[in-house]
Structures are given as C-alpha cells and as structure tokens.
Amino acid sequence: MANILLVSKNVQSCENYMKALAEELQQLGHHVIFHENNRYDEGENSTCNEALFSPLFTKQTAPDYVVVGGGDGTVLLTVSRMPIQVPLVGINFGEVGFLADLSPGTASSFLHSFLEKTDPKINTRMRIRFDVNGTYVGTALNEAVIITDRPSKMLKIAVCIDGVRAEEFRADGLIVSTPTGSTAYAMSGGGPIVDPRLEVFIMVPMAPFILTNRPHLIQTERNVNIMLVEERPASLVIDGQSTITLTCDCTITIEKSPEPALFIDAGENFFEKVTRKLRHL
C-alpha cells in the first residue's frame, strides 16, 4: 500500500472532489494525508508555506506519491514547496491544465490502476536553479522572468555563455524557460515548442527593440550568466510564485537543477497534448 499526499486548490468543488478521492483511496488500504493546511491558495495571500509542508517529507514520512487537484499554478506551487521531489500527478480543475494530465472523470480509475503496478513509469522534468550574486533564490519548473518594474522603460540585459558575452538584449524583459515551460509564457513571447525530454535553457526576449534579437536554445552544460547593463528597476519572478528585486550590479547564474521534478506517466503523448490543449483552444 502507498503513502499518498493530496493537495487541493482552494476552490470548494475541487476540495470536495479531493476529499472524496481521499476516502476512496483510504478504503483501498492506502495511507492518505489530506487536511486544511495542505490547501494551496494561489497568489500573494497564500496561507500555505514551506514550513507547513516540510514535516510531511521526512525520511520516515515522505509520501510515495503526490496527487494535486487544481490547475497548472497549483502544480507549480506544489513542486516548488516539496523539499524532496516525489512523483506527482495533477487532476485538472483549471483552464488549460498542461501540467495536470488527468480529468476529474478519469482520475479515480487511473489511480486505481496505477497504484496496482509494481514498476510504474515516472517521467523526469528538468528544472532550472537561479542564483543572484552567488546566493540561491529559487528553482523553476516552467520559467523565470526578468522584467522591468517600469513598463514604459526597457531593460538592457547581457548574456554571457562560457565567459563570452554572447548576446545583449534591449527589451521589456527576458524569459528563461525550461522545455516544460516552452508551452507556457515562453511560447506566448514567440519562443519554440520544445520536447520536454531535451535539456536546454530557452531564452526569449520580451518585445525586443531590435527585431534580430531572437529566442535562444542553450545546452545546459554551458556556464550561463545574465547581467543587467543599465540601472533600471527590475525583478526576477520564478514560476509566477516568488519575486526577487534585482540591481544593476547583480549577476544571475542559471544551471540545471540536480533535482528534477517527477511526474507520474498518465499515458499522454506530449505532441498530441500540444495539439489538443494549445492549438485547439
């Protein structure tokens, strides 16, 4: 029998569904953790913090699986709050739900079948670690955005690759995305759709002043540093959850996180999902 943590978006219909699912899994003999402190309120007024989540992830009590009810934001927040990455699957109560593979109508039967398997298939998703002036500030599953705090003013951003000043962008900001995030904000900014099995950094300038400033794909083994060239107020926003104030003299270092996100394989082909969820909206 499995230890399962259920996380619900703070929406009544979602909470009711997840509570019913918890009872169903308990009746099958699984150990289920679900209580009010596990609710994830998206936005600045979130009542849930990592201190409430961490005690559930000790060596003795870490869940085998996490089931998230909500949209992509709830999945992103859950991944960022897990001190230890364990396999996760999402049940879509949002809009697009690109990270939530299951629908409320199919989730129960899928979980019954999955939990009976002795060797379930788990997919890894690369994440990006961000340091500012040598201090760790966060890890992104989708993307981080370097953005001006003054919409009427552009930023001048230099990108150094392996010690060489490879590019300089004048733009409203810069999106630094994983392949998983290529179908999110980066795509809206004109970036490519990238197979999530690849391990690359995707850089997409936001409304660049020079039209030849195009998106870049950079191999993760390279040393990549990003610097603000001019003194303009700017912020680094990681997965839409945390915001770090940037100064002109700061250096942002990006590297592949040694701890990828783990997703339970729900049998969805990535490119079929792109067609169904993005091109037919």
C-alpha atoms as a PDB file:
ATOM      1  CA  MET A   1       0.000   0.000   0.000  1.00  0.00           C
ATOM      2  CA  ALA A   2       1.182   3.533  -0.780  1.00  0.00           C
ATOM      3  CA  ASN A   3       1.577   6.729   1.233  1.00  0.00           C
ATOM      4  CA  ILE A   4      -0.217   9.447  -0.734  1.00  0.00           C
ATOM      5  CA  LEU A   5      -0.359  13.203  -0.148  1.00  0.00           C
ATOM      6  CA  LEU A   6      -3.368  15.006  -1.635  1.00  0.00           C
ATOM      7  CA  VAL A   7      -3.080  18.738  -2.351  1.00  0.00           C
ATOM      8  CA  SER A   8      -6.102  20.776  -3.371  1.00  0.00           C
ATOM      9  CA  LYS A   9      -6.649  24.162  -4.888  1.00  0.00           C
ATOM     10  CA  ASN A  10      -8.671  26.435  -2.611  1.00  0.00           C
ATOM     11  CA  VAL A  11     -11.883  26.039  -4.589  1.00  0.00           C
ATOM     12  CA  GLN A  12     -14.859  24.318  -2.982  1.00  0.00           C
ATOM     13  CA  SER A  13     -15.640  21.979  -5.872  1.00  0.00           C
ATOM     14  CA  CYS A  14     -12.006  20.881  -6.044  1.00  0.00           C
ATOM     15  CA  GLU A  15     -11.741  20.391  -2.283  1.00  0.00           C
ATOM     16  CA  ASN A  16     -14.944  18.316  -2.204  1.00  0.00           C
ATOM     17  CA  TYR A  17     -13.654  16.124  -5.028  1.00  0.00           C
ATOM     18  CA  MET A  18     -10.248  15.624  -3.397  1.00  0.00           C
ATOM     19  CA  LYS A  19     -11.796  14.758  -0.024  1.00  0.00           C
ATOM     20  CA  ALA A  20     -13.974  12.123  -1.709  1.00  0.00           C
ATOM     21  CA  LEU A  21     -10.910  10.786  -3.510  1.00  0.00           C
ATOM     22  CA  ALA A  22      -9.037  10.610  -0.190  1.00  0.00           C
ATOM     23  CA  GLU A  23     -11.814   8.484   1.330  1.00  0.00           C
ATOM     24  CA  GLU A  24     -11.837   6.235  -1.715  1.00  0.00           C
ATOM     25  CA  LEU A  25      -8.083   5.644  -1.562  1.00  0.00           C
ATOM     26  CA  GLN A  26      -8.234   5.005   2.179  1.00  0.00           C
ATOM     27  CA  GLN A  27     -10.891   2.356   1.627  1.00  0.00           C
ATOM     28  CA  LEU A  28      -8.465   0.622  -0.722  1.00  0.00           C
ATOM     29  CA  GLY A  29      -5.949   0.461   2.128  1.00  0.00           C
ATOM     30  CA  HIS A  30      -3.651   3.350   1.186  1.00  0.00           C
ATOM     31  CA  HIS A  31      -2.360   5.852   3.751  1.00  0.00           C
ATOM     32  CA  VAL A  32      -3.640   9.280   2.722  1.00  0.00           C
ATOM     33  CA  ILE A  33      -2.708  12.696   4.111  1.00  0.00           C
ATOM     34  CA  PHE A  34      -5.196  15.468   3.396  1.00  0.00           C
ATOM     35  CA  HIS A  35      -6.068  18.327   5.707  1.00  0.00           C
ATOM     36  CA  GLU A  36      -6.766  22.041   5.608  1.00  0.00           C
ATOM     37  CA  ASN A  37      -3.089  23.063   5.846  1.00  0.00           C
ATOM     38  CA  ASN A  38      -2.450  21.305   2.534  1.00  0.00           C
ATOM     39  CA  ARG A  39      -4.665  23.712   0.620  1.00  0.00           C
ATOM     40  CA  TYR A  40      -2.740  25.809  -1.872  1.00  0.00           C
ATOM     41  CA  ASP A  41      -4.049  29.340  -2.280  1.00  0.00           C
ATOM     42  CA  GLU A  42      -2.515  30.792  -5.432  1.00  0.00           C
ATOM     43  CA  GLY A  43      -1.455  34.428  -5.203  1.00  0.00           C
ATOM     44  CA  GLU A  44       0.066  36.844  -2.747  1.00  0.00           C
ATOM     45  CA  ASN A  45      -2.293  35.947   0.091  1.00  0.00           C
ATOM     46  CA  SER A  46      -1.294  32.290   0.206  1.00  0.00           C
ATOM     47  CA  THR A  47      -1.848  30.794   3.653  1.00  0.00           C
ATOM     48  CA  CYS A  48       0.391  27.809   2.988  1.00  0.00           C
ATOM     49  CA  ASN A  49       4.158  27.968   3.352  1.00  0.00           C
ATOM     50  CA  GLU A  50       7.026  25.522   3.160  1.00  0.00           C
ATOM     51  CA  ALA A  51       7.189  25.232   6.945  1.00  0.00           C
ATOM     52  CA  LEU A  52       3.746  23.594   6.899  1.00  0.00           C
ATOM     53  CA  PHE A  53       4.746  21.238   4.077  1.00  0.00           C
ATOM     54  CA  SER A  54       8.239  20.160   5.156  1.00  0.00           C
ATOM     55  CA  PRO A  55       7.232  17.952   8.135  1.00  0.00           C
ATOM     56  CA  LEU A  56       5.435  15.658   5.698  1.00  0.00           C
ATOM     57  CA  PHE A  57       8.672  14.972   3.815  1.00  0.00           C
ATOM     58  CA  THR A  58      10.990  13.488   6.442  1.00  0.00           C
ATOM     59  CA  LYS A  59      12.817  10.256   5.659  1.00  0.00           C
ATOM     60  CA  GLN A  60      10.283   8.398   7.776  1.00  0.00           C
ATOM     61  CA  THR A  61       7.119  10.039   6.438  1.00  0.00           C
ATOM     62  CA  ALA A  62       7.837  11.219   2.880  1.00  0.00           C
ATOM     63  CA  PRO A  63       4.892  10.274   0.658  1.00  0.00           C
ATOM     64  CA  ASP A  64       5.339   7.834  -2.177  1.00  0.00           C
ATOM     65  CA  TYR A  65       3.141   9.955  -4.452  1.00  0.00           C
ATOM     66  CA  VAL A  66       1.504  13.383  -4.531  1.00  0.00           C
ATOM     67  CA  VAL A  67      -1.869  13.958  -6.202  1.00  0.00           C
ATOM     68  CA  VAL A  68      -2.678  17.601  -6.937  1.00  0.00           C
ATOM     69  CA  GLY A  69      -6.164  18.916  -7.652  1.00  0.00           C
ATOM     70  CA  GLY A  70      -6.101  22.274  -9.406  1.00  0.00           C
ATOM     71  CA  GLY A  71      -4.563  23.994 -12.396  1.00  0.00           C
ATOM     72  CA  ASP A  72      -1.005  24.446 -13.589  1.00  0.00           C
ATOM     73  CA  GLY A  73      -0.343  27.106 -10.936  1.00  0.00           C
ATOM     74  CA  THR A  74      -1.225  24.677  -8.166  1.00  0.00           C
ATOM     75  CA  VAL A  75       1.087  22.049  -9.661  1.00  0.00           C
ATOM     76  CA  LEU A  76       3.943  24.563  -9.954  1.00  0.00           C
ATOM     77  CA  LEU A  77       3.475  25.734  -6.386  1.00  0.00           C
ATOM     78  CA  THR A  78       3.345  22.163  -5.085  1.00  0.00           C
ATOM     79  CA  VAL A  79       6.578  21.230  -6.869  1.00  0.00           C
ATOM     80  CA  SER A  80       8.318  24.346  -5.523  1.00  0.00           C
ATOM     81  CA  ARG A  81       7.213  23.599  -1.948  1.00  0.00           C
ATOM     82  CA  MET A  82       8.328  19.953  -1.881  1.00  0.00           C
ATOM     83  CA  PRO A  83      11.681  19.724  -0.075  1.00  0.00           C
ATOM     84  CA  ILE A  84      12.123  16.287  -1.660  1.00  0.00           C
ATOM     85  CA  GLN A  85      10.834  15.655  -5.168  1.00  0.00           C
ATOM     86  CA  VAL A  86       8.457  12.679  -5.283  1.00  0.00           C
ATOM     87  CA  PRO A  87       6.303  11.511  -8.210  1.00  0.00           C
ATOM     88  CA  LEU A  88       3.293  13.742  -8.796  1.00  0.00           C
ATOM     89  CA  VAL A  89       0.171  13.700 -10.935  1.00  0.00           C
ATOM     90  CA  GLY A  90      -2.314  16.537 -11.421  1.00  0.00           C
ATOM     91  CA  ILE A  91      -6.091  16.486 -11.755  1.00  0.00           C
ATOM     92  CA  ASN A  92      -7.166  19.439 -13.855  1.00  0.00           C
ATOM     93  CA  PHE A  93      -9.538  21.910 -12.221  1.00  0.00           C
ATOM     94  CA  GLY A  94      -8.008  24.840 -14.109  1.00  0.00           C
ATOM     95  CA  GLU A  95      -8.276  26.038 -17.702  1.00  0.00           C
ATOM     96  CA  VAL A  96      -5.555  24.672 -19.996  1.00  0.00           C
ATOM     97  CA  GLY A  97      -4.106  22.300 -17.399  1.00  0.00           C
ATOM     98  CA  PHE A  98      -0.978  21.438 -19.350  1.00  0.00           C
ATOM     99  CA  LEU A  99       0.760  20.053 -16.255  1.00  0.00           C
ATOM    100  CA  ALA A 100      -2.371  18.332 -14.944  1.00  0.00           C
ATOM    101  CA  ASP A 101      -2.809  15.245 -17.111  1.00  0.00           C
ATOM    102  CA  LEU A 102      -5.943  13.773 -15.525  1.00  0.00           C
ATOM    103  CA  SER A 103      -9.543  14.934 -15.708  1.00  0.00           C
ATOM    104  CA  PRO A 104     -11.838  14.578 -12.687  1.00  0.00           C
ATOM    105  CA  GLY A 105     -13.787  11.959 -14.614  1.00  0.00           C
ATOM    106  CA  THR A 106     -10.806   9.672 -15.271  1.00  0.00           C
ATOM    107  CA  ALA A 107      -8.567  10.303 -12.242  1.00  0.00           C
ATOM    108  CA  SER A 108     -10.061   7.688  -9.928  1.00  0.00           C
ATOM    109  CA  SER A 109      -9.816   4.772 -12.376  1.00  0.00           C
ATOM    110  CA  PHE A 110      -6.316   5.817 -13.426  1.00  0.00           C
ATOM    111  CA  LEU A 111      -5.079   5.945  -9.829  1.00  0.00           C
ATOM    112  CA  HIS A 112      -6.608   2.532  -9.048  1.00  0.00           C
ATOM    113  CA  SER A 113      -4.722   1.025 -11.992  1.00  0.00           C
ATOM    114  CA  PHE A 114      -1.503   2.946 -11.344  1.00  0.00           C
ATOM    115  CA  LEU A 115      -1.297   2.029  -7.656  1.00  0.00           C
ATOM    116  CA  GLU A 116      -1.534  -1.679  -8.524  1.00  0.00           C
ATOM    117  CA  LYS A 117       1.585  -1.539 -10.703  1.00  0.00           C
ATOM    118  CA  THR A 118       4.873  -2.843  -9.317  1.00  0.00           C
ATOM    119  CA  ASP A 119       7.020  -0.780 -11.684  1.00  0.00           C
ATOM    120  CA  PRO A 120       5.112   2.407 -12.624  1.00  0.00           C
ATOM    121  CA  LYS A 121       6.541   4.723 -15.251  1.00  0.00           C
ATOM    122  CA  ILE A 122       7.815   8.062 -13.930  1.00  0.00           C
ATOM    123  CA  ASN A 123       8.933  10.950 -16.155  1.00  0.00           C
ATOM    124  CA  THR A 124      11.594  13.440 -15.102  1.00  0.00           C
ATOM    125  CA  ARG A 125      11.252  17.133 -15.943  1.00  0.00           C
ATOM    126  CA  MET A 126      14.302  19.363 -15.853  1.00  0.00           C
ATOM    127  CA  ARG A 127      14.202  22.393 -13.559  1.00  0.00           C
ATOM    128  CA  ILE A 128      16.424  25.499 -13.545  1.00  0.00           C
ATOM    129  CA  ARG A 129      18.243  26.741 -10.450  1.00  0.00           C
ATOM    130  CA  PHE A 130      18.759  30.512 -10.096  1.00  0.00           C
ATOM    131  CA  ASP A 131      21.453  32.268  -8.041  1.00  0.00           C
ATOM    132  CA  VAL A 132      21.819  36.044  -7.694  1.00  0.00           C
ATOM    133  CA  ASN A 133      25.349  37.170  -6.814  1.00  0.00           C
ATOM    134  CA  GLY A 134      26.117  33.647  -5.632  1.00  0.00           C
ATOM    135  CA  THR A 135      23.030  33.315  -3.396  1.00  0.00           C
ATOM    136  CA  TYR A 136      20.378  30.748  -4.219  1.00  0.00           C
ATOM    137  CA  VAL A 137      16.979  32.384  -4.844  1.00  0.00           C
ATOM    138  CA  GLY A 138      14.806  29.617  -6.301  1.00  0.00           C
ATOM    139  CA  THR A 139      14.174  26.856  -8.808  1.00  0.00           C
ATOM    140  CA  ALA A 140      11.796  26.970 -11.765  1.00  0.00           C
ATOM    141  CA  LEU A 141       9.883  24.132 -13.392  1.00  0.00           C
ATOM    142  CA  ASN A 142       8.338  26.404 -16.036  1.00  0.00           C
ATOM    143  CA  GLU A 143      10.271  29.654 -16.247  1.00  0.00           C
ATOM    144  CA  ALA A 144      11.721  32.709 -14.596  1.00  0.00           C
ATOM    145  CA  VAL A 145      11.136  36.187 -15.964  1.00  0.00           C
ATOM    146  CA  ILE A 146      13.483  39.143 -15.692  1.00  0.00           C
ATOM    147  CA  ILE A 147      11.106  42.050 -16.108  1.00  0.00           C
ATOM    148  CA  THR A 148      11.196  45.806 -15.797  1.00  0.00           C
ATOM    149  CA  ASP A 149       9.381  47.359 -12.861  1.00  0.00           C
ATOM    150  CA  ARG A 150       8.592  50.358 -15.092  1.00  0.00           C
ATOM    151  CA  PRO A 151       6.598  49.187 -18.146  1.00  0.00           C
ATOM    152  CA  SER A 152       7.464  52.300 -20.124  1.00  0.00           C
ATOM    153  CA  LYS A 153      11.213  51.627 -19.838  1.00  0.00           C
ATOM    154  CA  MET A 154      13.250  48.889 -21.500  1.00  0.00           C
ATOM    155  CA  LEU A 155      15.917  46.770 -19.854  1.00  0.00           C
ATOM    156  CA  LYS A 156      19.371  46.177 -21.278  1.00  0.00           C
ATOM    157  CA  ILE A 157      20.363  42.599 -20.479  1.00  0.00           C
ATOM    158  CA  ALA A 158      23.684  40.920 -21.276  1.00  0.00           C
ATOM    159  CA  VAL A 159      24.044  37.146 -21.533  1.00  0.00           C
ATOM    160  CA  CYS A 160      27.469  35.553 -21.050  1.00  0.00           C
ATOM    161  CA  ILE A 161      27.992  31.957 -22.154  1.00  0.00           C
ATOM    162  CA  ASP A 162      31.177  30.165 -21.107  1.00  0.00           C
ATOM    163  CA  GLY A 163      32.722  33.517 -20.220  1.00  0.00           C
ATOM    164  CA  VAL A 164      31.906  35.119 -23.574  1.00  0.00           C
ATOM    165  CA  ARG A 165      29.424  37.988 -23.887  1.00  0.00           C
ATOM    166  CA  ALA A 166      27.244  36.186 -26.400  1.00  0.00           C
ATOM    167  CA  GLU A 167      24.146  38.372 -26.603  1.00  0.00           C
ATOM    168  CA  GLU A 168      22.747  41.687 -25.474  1.00  0.00           C
ATOM    169  CA  PHE A 169      19.005  42.271 -25.386  1.00  0.00           C
ATOM    170  CA  ARG A 170      17.146  45.565 -25.214  1.00  0.00           C
ATOM    171  CA  ALA A 171      13.640  44.531 -24.315  1.00  0.00           C
ATOM    172  CA  ASP A 172      10.843  44.727 -21.761  1.00  0.00           C
ATOM    173  CA  GLY A 173      12.358  41.659 -20.158  1.00  0.00           C
ATOM    174  CA  LEU A 174      13.752  38.180 -20.700  1.00  0.00           C
ATOM    175  CA  ILE A 175      12.062  34.809 -20.207  1.00  0.00           C
ATOM    176  CA  VAL A 176      14.363  31.964 -19.140  1.00  0.00           C
ATOM    177  CA  SER A 177      12.411  28.756 -19.619  1.00  0.00           C
ATOM    178  CA  THR A 178      12.749  25.007 -19.287  1.00  0.00           C
ATOM    179  CA  PRO A 179      11.457  22.729 -22.080  1.00  0.00           C
ATOM    180  CA  THR A 180       8.429  22.066 -19.842  1.00  0.00           C
ATOM    181  CA  GLY A 181       7.779  25.812 -19.768  1.00  0.00           C
ATOM    182  CA  SER A 182       8.161  26.153 -23.539  1.00  0.00           C
ATOM    183  CA  THR A 183       4.377  25.770 -23.881  1.00  0.00           C
ATOM    184  CA  ALA A 184       3.700  28.469 -21.279  1.00  0.00           C
ATOM    185  CA  TYR A 185       4.892  32.096 -21.097  1.00  0.00           C
ATOM    186  CA  ALA A 186       7.826  31.467 -23.440  1.00  0.00           C
ATOM    187  CA  MET A 187       5.506  30.334 -26.214  1.00  0.00           C
ATOM    188  CA  SER A 188       3.356  33.441 -25.741  1.00  0.00           C
ATOM    189  CA  GLY A 189       6.519  35.501 -26.199  1.00  0.00           C
ATOM    190  CA  GLY A 190       7.318  33.828 -29.525  1.00  0.00           C
ATOM    191  CA  GLY A 191       9.553  31.014 -28.298  1.00  0.00           C
ATOM    192  CA  PRO A 192       9.632  27.491 -29.766  1.00  0.00           C
ATOM    193  CA  ILE A 193       7.728  24.451 -28.517  1.00  0.00           C
ATOM    194  CA  VAL A 194      10.439  22.129 -27.174  1.00  0.00           C
ATOM    195  CA  ASP A 195      10.279  18.407 -26.460  1.00  0.00           C
ATOM    196  CA  PRO A 196      10.381  18.139 -22.628  1.00  0.00           C
ATOM    197  CA  ARG A 197      12.878  15.265 -22.897  1.00  0.00           C
ATOM    198  CA  LEU A 198      15.531  17.730 -24.072  1.00  0.00           C
ATOM    199  CA  GLU A 199      17.726  19.533 -21.560  1.00  0.00           C
ATOM    200  CA  VAL A 200      18.227  23.098 -22.714  1.00  0.00           C
ATOM    201  CA  PHE A 201      17.763  26.630 -21.450  1.00  0.00           C
ATOM    202  CA  ILE A 202      15.291  28.623 -23.559  1.00  0.00           C
ATOM    203  CA  MET A 203      15.778  32.401 -23.629  1.00  0.00           C
ATOM    204  CA  VAL A 204      13.042  34.550 -25.123  1.00  0.00           C
ATOM    205  CA  PRO A 205      13.331  38.380 -25.176  1.00  0.00           C
ATOM    206  CA  MET A 206      10.057  40.163 -24.407  1.00  0.00           C
ATOM    207  CA  ALA A 207       9.132  42.775 -27.040  1.00  0.00           C
ATOM    208  CA  PRO A 208      12.774  43.339 -28.137  1.00  0.00           C
ATOM    209  CA  PHE A 209      13.750  46.708 -29.551  1.00  0.00           C
ATOM    210  CA  ILE A 210      15.909  45.054 -32.230  1.00  0.00           C
ATOM    211  CA  LEU A 211      13.989  42.519 -34.301  1.00  0.00           C
ATOM    212  CA  THR A 212      17.092  40.375 -34.816  1.00  0.00           C
ATOM    213  CA  ASN A 213      17.081  39.560 -31.072  1.00  0.00           C
ATOM    214  CA  ARG A 214      15.621  36.085 -31.411  1.00  0.00           C
ATOM    215  CA  PRO A 215      14.976  33.249 -28.919  1.00  0.00           C
ATOM    216  CA  HIS A 216      17.999  31.144 -27.972  1.00  0.00           C
ATOM    217  CA  LEU A 217      18.353  27.472 -27.041  1.00  0.00           C
ATOM    218  CA  ILE A 218      21.418  26.874 -24.860  1.00  0.00           C
ATOM    219  CA  GLN A 219      22.773  23.497 -23.793  1.00  0.00           C
ATOM    220  CA  THR A 220      22.599  23.073 -20.016  1.00  0.00           C
ATOM    221  CA  GLU A 221      26.254  22.060 -19.621  1.00  0.00           C
ATOM    222  CA  ARG A 222      27.359  25.568 -20.557  1.00  0.00           C
ATOM    223  CA  ASN A 223      28.065  28.243 -17.938  1.00  0.00           C
ATOM    224  CA  VAL A 224      25.403  30.929 -18.309  1.00  0.00           C
ATOM    225  CA  ASN A 225      25.332  34.299 -16.536  1.00  0.00           C
ATOM    226  CA  ILE A 226      22.842  37.122 -17.049  1.00  0.00           C
ATOM    227  CA  MET A 227      23.524  40.748 -16.086  1.00  0.00           C
ATOM    228  CA  LEU A 228      21.572  43.990 -16.101  1.00  0.00           C
ATOM    229  CA  VAL A 229      23.622  46.526 -18.022  1.00  0.00           C
ATOM    230  CA  GLU A 230      21.772  49.712 -17.059  1.00  0.00           C
ATOM    231  CA  GLU A 231      20.462  50.985 -13.738  1.00  0.00           C
ATOM    232  CA  ARG A 232      16.759  50.280 -14.153  1.00  0.00           C
ATOM    233  CA  PRO A 233      14.391  48.804 -11.543  1.00  0.00           C
ATOM    234  CA  ALA A 234      13.780  45.139 -12.350  1.00  0.00           C
ATOM    235  CA  SER A 235      12.603  41.897 -10.780  1.00  0.00           C
ATOM    236  CA  LEU A 236      13.164  38.181 -11.208  1.00  0.00           C
ATOM    237  CA  VAL A 237       9.864  36.266 -10.985  1.00  0.00           C
ATOM    238  CA  ILE A 238      10.182  32.483 -10.614  1.00  0.00           C
ATOM    239  CA  ASP A 239       7.279  30.320 -11.818  1.00  0.00           C
ATOM    240  CA  GLY A 240       4.934  33.210 -11.075  1.00  0.00           C
ATOM    241  CA  GLN A 241       5.316  32.459  -7.353  1.00  0.00           C
ATOM    242  CA  SER A 242       8.303  34.325  -5.905  1.00  0.00           C
ATOM    243  CA  THR A 243       9.722  37.758  -6.782  1.00  0.00           C
ATOM    244  CA  ILE A 244      13.325  38.897  -6.235  1.00  0.00           C
ATOM    245  CA  THR A 245      14.376  42.536  -6.643  1.00  0.00           C
ATOM    246  CA  LEU A 246      17.362  42.984  -8.969  1.00  0.00           C
ATOM    247  CA  THR A 247      20.008  45.696  -9.010  1.00  0.00           C
ATOM    248  CA  CYS A 248      22.255  46.825 -11.835  1.00  0.00           C
ATOM    249  CA  ASP A 249      25.373  45.222 -10.383  1.00  0.00           C
ATOM    250  CA  CYS A 250      23.842  41.766  -9.903  1.00  0.00           C
ATOM    251  CA  THR A 251      24.748  38.604 -11.787  1.00  0.00           C
ATOM    252  CA  ILE A 252      22.136  35.910 -12.277  1.00  0.00           C
ATOM    253  CA  THR A 253      23.618  32.452 -12.697  1.00  0.00           C
ATOM    254  CA  ILE A 254      21.465  29.700 -14.155  1.00  0.00           C
ATOM    255  CA  GLU A 255      22.128  25.975 -14.132  1.00  0.00           C
ATOM    256  CA  LYS A 256      20.232  22.737 -14.408  1.00  0.00           C
ATOM    257  CA  SER A 257      18.894  21.734 -11.005  1.00  0.00           C
ATOM    258  CA  PRO A 258      20.220  18.409  -9.693  1.00  0.00           C
ATOM    259  CA  GLU A 259      16.641  17.672  -8.542  1.00  0.00           C
ATOM    260  CA  PRO A 260      14.246  17.354 -11.482  1.00  0.00           C
ATOM    261  CA  ALA A 261      10.501  17.285 -10.992  1.00  0.00           C
ATOM    262  CA  LEU A 262       8.991  13.792 -11.157  1.00  0.00           C
ATOM    263  CA  PHE A 263       5.675  13.215 -12.925  1.00  0.00           C
ATOM    264  CA  ILE A 264       3.606  10.064 -12.996  1.00  0.00           C
ATOM    265  CA  ASP A 265       3.175   8.983 -16.614  1.00  0.00           C
ATOM    266  CA  ALA A 266      -0.519   9.248 -17.441  1.00  0.00           C
ATOM    267  CA  GLY A 267      -0.023   7.860 -20.944  1.00  0.00           C
ATOM    268  CA  GLU A 268      -0.339  11.193 -22.739  1.00  0.00           C
ATOM    269  CA  ASN A 269       1.840  11.827 -25.773  1.00  0.00           C
ATOM    270  CA  PHE A 270       3.403  15.298 -25.500  1.00  0.00           C
ATOM    271  CA  PHE A 271       2.721  16.302 -29.095  1.00  0.00           C
ATOM    272  CA  GLU A 272      -0.881  15.061 -29.004  1.00  0.00           C
ATOM    273  CA  LYS A 273      -1.310  17.161 -25.864  1.00  0.00           C
ATOM    274  CA  VAL A 274       0.084  20.220 -27.663  1.00  0.00           C
ATOM    275  CA  THR A 275      -2.463  19.771 -30.446  1.00  0.00           C
ATOM    276  CA  ARG A 276      -5.395  19.168 -28.141  1.00  0.00           C
ATOM    277  CA  LYS A 277      -4.734  21.716 -25.386  1.00  0.00           C
ATOM    278  CA  LEU A 278      -2.946  24.545 -27.156  1.00  0.00           C
ATOM    279  CA  ARG A 279      -3.786  24.602 -30.849  1.00  0.00           C
ATOM    280  CA  HIS A 280      -7.491  23.963 -30.358  1.00  0.00           C
ATOM    281  CA  LEU A 281      -8.159  26.473 -27.563  1.00  0.00           C
END
